Protein backbone atom coordinates (compact mmCIF):
# COMPACT_ATOMS: atom_id res chain seq x y z
CA MET A 1 8.56 -32.87 -18.21
CA PRO A 2 6.59 -29.76 -19.33
CA GLU A 3 7.99 -26.38 -18.37
CA LYS A 4 6.19 -24.74 -15.46
CA THR A 5 4.15 -21.71 -16.47
CA VAL A 6 5.19 -18.58 -14.60
CA VAL A 7 2.29 -16.35 -13.60
CA PRO A 8 2.13 -13.15 -11.55
CA ASP A 9 0.71 -13.00 -8.05
CA GLU A 10 -3.09 -12.78 -8.13
CA THR A 11 -3.17 -9.89 -5.67
CA ALA A 12 -0.67 -7.92 -7.78
CA VAL A 13 -2.88 -8.37 -10.85
CA ARG A 14 -5.99 -7.27 -8.96
CA VAL A 15 -4.28 -4.07 -7.78
CA ALA A 16 -3.16 -3.26 -11.33
CA LEU A 17 -6.68 -3.80 -12.64
CA TRP A 18 -8.17 -1.58 -9.93
CA ARG A 19 -5.84 1.23 -11.00
CA ALA A 20 -7.02 0.84 -14.59
CA MET A 21 -10.66 0.58 -13.48
CA HIS A 22 -10.27 3.94 -11.76
CA MET A 23 -9.52 5.53 -15.13
CA ARG A 24 -12.57 3.94 -16.73
CA VAL A 25 -15.41 4.24 -14.23
CA ASP A 26 -14.55 6.99 -11.74
CA GLU A 27 -15.13 10.66 -12.47
CA PRO A 28 -12.13 12.98 -12.98
CA PRO A 29 -9.98 14.30 -11.53
CA HIS A 30 -8.26 10.93 -11.31
CA VAL A 31 -6.08 10.37 -8.27
CA ILE A 32 -3.55 8.53 -10.41
CA GLU A 33 -3.51 7.64 -14.11
CA ASP A 34 -2.34 4.12 -14.83
CA GLU A 35 -3.40 1.70 -17.52
CA ILE A 36 0.04 0.21 -18.16
CA GLY A 37 -0.60 -2.36 -15.43
CA LEU A 38 -3.68 -3.47 -17.37
CA ARG A 39 -1.58 -4.02 -20.47
CA LEU A 40 0.97 -5.95 -18.44
CA ALA A 41 -1.70 -8.19 -16.89
CA ASP A 42 -3.49 -8.72 -20.22
CA PRO A 43 -6.57 -10.19 -18.45
CA GLY A 44 -8.64 -10.74 -21.59
CA GLU A 45 -12.12 -9.49 -22.42
CA ASP A 46 -14.71 -8.64 -19.78
CA TRP A 47 -12.08 -8.30 -17.04
CA ASN A 48 -14.01 -5.30 -15.74
CA LEU A 49 -17.02 -7.52 -15.07
CA ARG A 50 -15.16 -9.74 -12.61
CA PRO A 51 -16.77 -9.74 -9.13
CA ASP A 52 -13.62 -8.25 -7.61
CA MET A 53 -13.86 -5.36 -10.10
CA ALA A 54 -17.58 -4.63 -10.41
CA GLY A 55 -18.91 -6.19 -7.22
CA ASP A 56 -20.60 -4.31 -4.39
CA GLY A 57 -18.18 -2.48 -2.10
CA MET A 58 -15.22 -2.64 -4.48
CA SER A 59 -15.02 1.12 -5.08
CA GLY A 60 -13.67 1.71 -1.57
CA PHE A 61 -10.84 -0.74 -2.11
CA ARG A 62 -10.13 0.75 -5.53
CA ALA A 63 -9.96 4.22 -4.00
CA GLY A 64 -7.58 2.96 -1.33
CA VAL A 65 -5.27 1.45 -3.93
CA VAL A 66 -5.02 4.61 -6.06
CA ALA A 67 -4.67 6.83 -2.99
CA ARG A 68 -1.78 4.88 -1.51
CA ALA A 69 0.00 4.88 -4.90
CA ARG A 70 -0.43 8.65 -5.16
CA LEU A 71 0.76 9.33 -1.62
CA ILE A 72 3.89 7.26 -2.15
CA GLU A 73 4.72 8.92 -5.47
CA ASP A 74 4.18 12.36 -3.92
CA LEU A 75 6.60 11.34 -1.16
CA VAL A 76 9.15 10.14 -3.72
CA ALA A 77 8.88 13.44 -5.59
CA GLU A 78 9.32 15.40 -2.36
CA GLN A 79 12.38 13.40 -1.28
CA CYS A 80 13.88 13.47 -4.77
CA GLY A 81 13.64 17.26 -4.61
CA GLN A 82 15.76 17.08 -1.46
CA GLY A 83 18.46 15.04 -3.14
CA VAL A 84 17.41 11.45 -2.40
CA SER A 85 18.23 9.32 -5.45
CA GLN A 86 17.27 5.74 -4.49
CA TYR A 87 13.73 4.32 -4.42
CA VAL A 88 12.96 0.81 -3.16
CA ILE A 89 9.56 -0.85 -3.72
CA LEU A 90 8.94 -3.84 -1.45
CA GLY A 91 6.40 -6.25 -2.90
CA ALA A 92 6.42 -4.31 -6.18
CA GLY A 93 4.03 -6.58 -8.06
CA LEU A 94 2.85 -4.80 -11.21
CA ASP A 95 3.97 -1.35 -10.07
CA THR A 96 4.37 0.89 -13.14
CA PHE A 97 6.03 4.02 -11.76
CA ALA A 98 9.13 3.41 -13.89
CA GLN A 99 7.09 3.01 -17.08
CA ARG A 100 4.57 5.82 -16.47
CA ARG A 101 7.06 8.46 -15.38
CA PRO A 102 10.42 7.64 -16.99
CA GLU A 103 11.51 11.29 -17.08
CA PHE A 104 11.20 11.38 -13.28
CA ALA A 105 12.15 7.78 -12.45
CA GLY A 106 15.22 8.06 -14.67
CA ARG A 107 16.71 10.56 -12.21
CA LEU A 108 16.60 7.84 -9.56
CA ARG A 109 17.86 4.31 -9.14
CA VAL A 110 14.67 2.29 -8.70
CA PHE A 111 14.68 -1.16 -7.09
CA GLU A 112 11.63 -3.42 -7.32
CA ILE A 113 11.67 -6.35 -4.88
CA ASP A 114 9.32 -9.30 -5.29
CA GLN A 115 9.09 -13.07 -5.61
CA PRO A 116 11.28 -14.60 -8.37
CA GLY A 117 8.29 -15.89 -10.36
CA THR A 118 6.55 -12.53 -10.46
CA GLN A 119 9.81 -10.80 -11.40
CA GLU A 120 10.54 -13.27 -14.21
CA TRP A 121 7.03 -12.81 -15.61
CA LYS A 122 7.19 -9.02 -15.37
CA ARG A 123 10.58 -8.83 -17.08
CA ARG A 124 9.19 -10.86 -19.98
CA ARG A 125 6.01 -8.76 -20.28
CA LEU A 126 7.95 -5.48 -20.17
CA ALA A 127 10.06 -6.73 -23.09
CA GLU A 128 6.98 -7.86 -25.02
CA LEU A 129 5.37 -4.43 -24.61
CA GLY A 130 8.51 -2.61 -25.71
CA HIS A 131 9.37 -1.09 -22.34
CA GLY A 132 12.31 -3.26 -21.42
CA VAL A 133 14.26 -2.75 -18.19
CA PRO A 134 16.46 0.37 -18.29
CA GLU A 135 19.80 0.45 -16.48
CA TRP A 136 18.40 2.58 -13.65
CA LEU A 137 15.64 0.03 -12.89
CA ARG A 138 16.67 -3.09 -10.97
CA LEU A 139 14.30 -6.03 -10.57
CA VAL A 140 15.43 -7.78 -7.40
CA PRO A 141 14.06 -11.33 -6.97
CA VAL A 142 13.77 -12.47 -3.36
CA ASP A 143 12.32 -15.78 -2.18
CA PHE A 144 10.80 -14.63 1.11
CA GLU A 145 9.44 -18.11 1.81
CA ALA A 146 12.99 -19.48 1.76
CA GLY A 147 14.04 -16.91 4.36
CA GLU A 148 16.18 -14.79 2.02
CA SER A 149 17.16 -11.32 3.23
CA TRP A 150 15.76 -8.68 0.91
CA TRP A 151 18.30 -6.19 2.25
CA ASP A 152 21.25 -8.35 1.23
CA SER A 153 19.74 -8.93 -2.23
CA LEU A 154 19.13 -5.19 -2.56
CA VAL A 155 22.78 -4.36 -1.87
CA GLU A 156 23.94 -7.13 -4.21
CA ASN A 157 21.90 -5.48 -6.97
CA GLY A 158 23.58 -2.09 -6.69
CA PHE A 159 21.79 -0.36 -3.80
CA ASP A 160 24.14 1.96 -1.91
CA PRO A 161 23.49 1.54 1.84
CA ALA A 162 25.52 4.69 2.57
CA ARG A 163 23.08 6.92 0.66
CA PRO A 164 19.51 7.78 1.76
CA ALA A 165 16.51 6.24 0.03
CA VAL A 166 12.75 6.15 -0.04
CA LEU A 167 11.35 2.70 0.73
CA ALA A 168 7.71 1.84 0.05
CA CYS A 169 5.76 -1.17 1.26
CA ALA A 170 2.09 -0.83 0.29
CA GLY A 171 -0.57 -3.52 0.47
CA VAL A 172 1.91 -6.09 1.78
CA THR A 173 1.99 -6.26 5.57
CA MET A 174 -1.50 -7.74 5.96
CA TYR A 175 -0.26 -10.90 4.21
CA LEU A 176 2.71 -11.23 6.57
CA THR A 177 2.90 -12.44 10.15
CA LYS A 178 3.67 -9.86 12.82
CA GLU A 179 7.13 -11.42 13.12
CA ALA A 180 7.73 -10.91 9.40
CA VAL A 181 6.51 -7.30 9.59
CA THR A 182 8.89 -6.69 12.49
CA ASP A 183 11.77 -8.19 10.50
CA THR A 184 10.89 -6.03 7.48
CA LEU A 185 10.99 -2.92 9.64
CA ARG A 186 14.36 -3.91 11.11
CA GLN A 187 15.86 -4.41 7.66
CA ALA A 188 14.41 -1.13 6.39
CA ALA A 189 15.82 0.72 9.41
CA ARG A 190 19.32 -0.18 8.19
CA ALA A 191 18.92 2.46 5.47
CA ALA A 192 21.20 5.49 5.72
CA SER A 193 20.30 8.51 7.79
CA GLY A 194 17.80 10.66 5.92
CA SER A 195 15.88 7.70 4.50
CA THR A 196 12.08 7.40 4.66
CA LEU A 197 9.83 4.34 4.78
CA ALA A 198 6.15 4.51 3.78
CA MET A 199 4.30 1.37 4.87
CA THR A 200 0.58 0.60 4.89
CA PHE A 201 -0.98 -1.72 7.43
CA ILE A 202 -4.41 -2.96 8.41
CA LEU A 203 -6.03 -1.60 11.56
CA THR A 204 -7.49 -3.97 14.12
CA THR A 205 -10.72 -1.95 13.78
CA ALA A 206 -10.76 -2.04 9.97
CA PHE A 207 -13.88 -4.15 9.71
CA ASP A 208 -15.88 -2.82 12.66
CA GLU A 209 -19.35 -1.73 11.66
CA PRO A 210 -20.23 1.82 12.84
CA GLU A 211 -22.92 2.11 15.51
CA ASP A 212 -24.98 4.33 13.22
CA PRO A 213 -24.21 3.38 9.58
CA ALA A 214 -26.50 6.09 8.15
CA ALA A 215 -24.83 8.85 10.16
CA HIS A 216 -21.42 7.41 9.32
CA GLU A 217 -22.17 7.56 5.59
CA ALA A 218 -23.86 10.96 5.79
CA ALA A 219 -20.71 12.36 7.38
CA GLY A 220 -18.77 11.25 4.31
CA ARG A 221 -16.65 8.75 6.21
CA PRO A 222 -15.20 5.76 4.37
CA LYS A 223 -17.15 2.54 4.74
CA PRO A 224 -15.61 -0.51 6.37
CA GLY A 225 -14.50 -3.18 3.92
CA PRO A 226 -15.67 -6.80 3.71
CA ARG A 227 -14.15 -9.16 6.22
CA ILE A 228 -11.05 -10.75 4.72
CA ARG A 229 -8.72 -13.18 6.43
CA PHE A 230 -5.42 -11.39 6.82
CA ARG A 231 -2.36 -12.59 8.73
CA SER A 232 -1.71 -9.42 10.74
CA CYS A 233 -3.28 -6.17 11.83
CA PHE A 234 -2.17 -3.45 14.24
CA THR A 235 -3.30 -0.48 16.23
CA PRO A 236 -1.55 2.77 15.28
CA GLU A 237 0.32 2.70 18.59
CA GLU A 238 1.56 -0.85 17.99
CA MET A 239 2.88 0.00 14.55
CA LEU A 240 4.59 3.19 15.71
CA ASP A 241 6.19 1.30 18.61
CA LEU A 242 7.42 -1.46 16.27
CA ALA A 243 9.03 1.15 14.03
CA ARG A 244 10.78 2.84 16.96
CA GLU A 245 11.99 -0.50 18.30
CA ALA A 246 13.30 -1.38 14.83
CA GLY A 247 15.51 1.71 14.91
CA PHE A 248 13.54 4.46 13.18
CA ARG A 249 13.87 7.87 14.80
CA ASP A 250 10.93 9.83 13.36
CA VAL A 251 7.62 7.99 13.09
CA ARG A 252 4.25 9.32 12.03
CA TYR A 253 0.79 7.86 11.56
CA VAL A 254 -1.23 8.95 8.50
CA SER A 255 -4.88 7.93 8.85
CA THR A 256 -7.30 6.93 6.11
CA GLU A 257 -9.23 10.10 6.93
CA GLU A 258 -6.14 12.23 6.33
CA VAL A 259 -5.50 10.51 3.00
CA THR A 260 -9.17 10.99 2.07
CA GLU A 261 -9.01 14.70 2.88
CA ARG A 262 -5.82 15.09 0.86
CA TYR A 263 -6.95 13.39 -2.35
CA PHE A 264 -10.75 13.16 -2.33
CA THR A 265 -11.98 16.49 -0.97
CA GLY A 266 -14.62 18.06 -3.21
CA ARG A 267 -15.67 14.85 -4.94
CA THR A 268 -19.42 14.47 -5.36
CA ASP A 269 -19.46 10.87 -6.55
CA GLY A 270 -18.93 9.25 -3.15
CA PHE A 271 -15.61 7.78 -4.28
CA ARG A 272 -13.33 7.48 -1.25
CA PRO A 273 -11.13 4.84 0.40
CA ALA A 274 -12.56 2.11 2.58
CA ALA A 275 -11.49 2.59 6.19
CA GLY A 276 -8.68 0.66 7.75
CA GLU A 277 -5.43 0.79 5.71
CA PRO A 278 -3.46 3.78 6.98
CA PHE A 279 0.23 4.60 6.62
CA LEU A 280 3.28 4.47 8.80
CA ILE A 281 5.80 7.10 7.69
CA ALA A 282 9.15 6.50 9.37
CA GLY A 283 12.52 8.18 9.00
CA THR A 284 16.03 7.10 9.92
């Protein structure tokens, strides 16, 4: 019987290619610089001509992807400066923080959690590209579909639940049911006092068309994205309430507009995130 070919998650590849596309087609200053994900994915020639790369409306999604990566890494740097030494990436995909910034990441213990197939493929590609997996980087395979607890797997792989951590979950919740999002929050809230979770989610209004599209665009507001079938979406109040009920003490909503102001102010090329994927920032 032929051996099954292990391939990475399609969404993870798309996100990695968007980060690389940002370097190639968007004007500097670049929000984040990352082409290692492109080398990992190895998509072949003309990858940049794919409809999900060069199609109409893709720049807003690309901007959202690079902005959320930058915000999370800024948060990690801030918390690391305050003595936090553990960083957990839920649904890590082709995240390249450890490879792009080894001098920084090496001061932390970094845990990447994802499906076993994606982790197996990534471990192989890192070896092929000469990066390898350093001792301070732990790839934690979790079969979410089989009901495995990512928290238990995290601890089994060397995570210290008595020490604070930064936990990031970006571009994941929309593919989960509300019950699964609630469970993820409950597990994350088990982190030690002083821990911080950064989680993106899709707003219920993410795809609403503005009443006056011309005025909306003239005001420099992000455009709504194309309608995509996701499994969950939330109002800001719902997400904040879920975090509080899960056990987080300090919860904050960071809107797309706030992210846009932070990282895209002064741009003249119209490059800005599509509306509708804000952040929950929650502390234990």
